Amino acid sequence: MYSKKLNQIFRSWVSLLSKRPLIGRKTDIENVRVKIVKDYLIFYEVIDETLFVLSIWDTRQDPDELKISKAGR
C-alpha cells in the first residue's frame, strides 16, 4: 500500500515539475535540477520541453552512494 501511495506522490510531483521545471534547485551538473519530496530527492532535467527523471534518491541512504554522471544520461 505504501509503495502505491509513494508512486502517486512522485507522479504528482513529476507532473508539476513538467509544468514548472524551474521550481527545482540547480545542482552542480549543468541543466540538472533537484526537488525535495518528503524523504526523497528527484533529480531531473528538461530537454526540448521534455522532462527526464534521472534519479529518485532516498535521503535516508548513505550520500556517498549517490552518483549522477553525465555519461549515464
Protein backbone atom coordinates (compact mmCIF):
# COMPACT_ATOMS: atom_id res chain seq x y z
CA MET A 1 0.00 0.00 0.00
CA TYR A 2 2.82 2.41 0.89
CA SER A 3 4.56 1.91 -2.47
CA LYS A 4 1.33 2.78 -4.32
CA LYS A 5 0.94 5.95 -2.26
CA LEU A 6 4.58 6.88 -2.85
CA ASN A 7 4.21 6.24 -6.57
CA GLN A 8 1.21 8.60 -6.66
CA ILE A 9 3.18 11.28 -4.82
CA PHE A 10 6.05 11.01 -7.32
CA ARG A 11 3.66 11.11 -10.28
CA SER A 12 2.02 14.25 -8.92
CA TRP A 13 5.35 15.99 -8.41
CA VAL A 14 6.68 14.96 -11.83
CA SER A 15 3.51 16.33 -13.39
CA LEU A 16 4.02 19.64 -11.55
CA LEU A 17 7.72 19.72 -12.49
CA SER A 18 6.85 19.23 -16.15
CA LYS A 19 4.66 22.34 -15.96
CA ARG A 20 7.01 24.41 -13.77
CA PRO A 21 10.52 22.94 -14.18
CA LEU A 22 12.32 25.87 -12.56
CA ILE A 23 10.88 25.14 -9.08
CA GLY A 24 13.66 22.63 -8.50
CA ARG A 25 17.02 23.79 -7.22
CA LYS A 26 20.03 23.86 -9.56
CA THR A 27 22.73 21.26 -8.98
CA ASP A 28 26.44 21.25 -9.80
CA ILE A 29 25.65 19.41 -13.04
CA GLU A 30 24.62 21.66 -15.90
CA ASN A 31 20.87 21.56 -16.69
CA VAL A 32 20.16 19.13 -13.81
CA ARG A 33 17.81 20.24 -11.04
CA VAL A 34 16.64 18.60 -7.83
CA LYS A 35 13.34 18.76 -5.96
CA ILE A 36 12.91 17.57 -2.37
CA VAL A 37 9.77 15.44 -1.89
CA LYS A 38 9.34 14.06 1.62
CA ASP A 39 12.45 11.92 2.30
CA TYR A 40 13.40 11.79 -1.38
CA LEU A 41 15.27 13.85 -3.94
CA ILE A 42 14.04 13.87 -7.52
CA PHE A 43 16.87 14.68 -9.93
CA TYR A 44 15.70 15.78 -13.36
CA GLU A 45 16.46 17.81 -16.45
CA VAL A 46 14.37 19.31 -19.21
CA ILE A 47 15.48 18.97 -22.83
CA ASP A 48 13.36 20.33 -25.67
CA GLU A 49 10.29 20.62 -23.43
CA THR A 50 10.64 17.01 -22.25
CA LEU A 51 11.26 16.29 -18.56
CA PHE A 52 13.66 13.43 -17.85
CA VAL A 53 13.73 12.00 -14.33
CA LEU A 54 17.34 10.98 -13.81
CA SER A 55 17.08 9.56 -10.31
CA ILE A 56 14.91 9.38 -7.23
CA TRP A 57 17.09 9.18 -4.15
CA ASP A 58 16.02 8.19 -0.65
CA THR A 59 17.80 10.71 1.58
CA ARG A 60 17.96 8.19 4.41
CA GLN A 61 20.63 6.29 2.42
CA ASP A 62 24.38 6.88 2.50
CA PRO A 63 25.02 10.07 0.48
CA ASP A 64 28.38 8.70 -0.70
CA GLU A 65 26.45 6.13 -2.75
CA LEU A 66 24.68 8.85 -4.76
CA LYS A 67 26.29 9.22 -8.15
CA ILE A 68 24.84 11.07 -11.13
CA SER A 69 27.18 11.11 -14.07
CA LYS A 70 26.87 12.98 -17.31
CA ALA A 71 27.93 9.79 -19.12
CA GLY A 72 24.92 7.93 -17.73
CA ARG A 73 22.44 10.26 -19.42
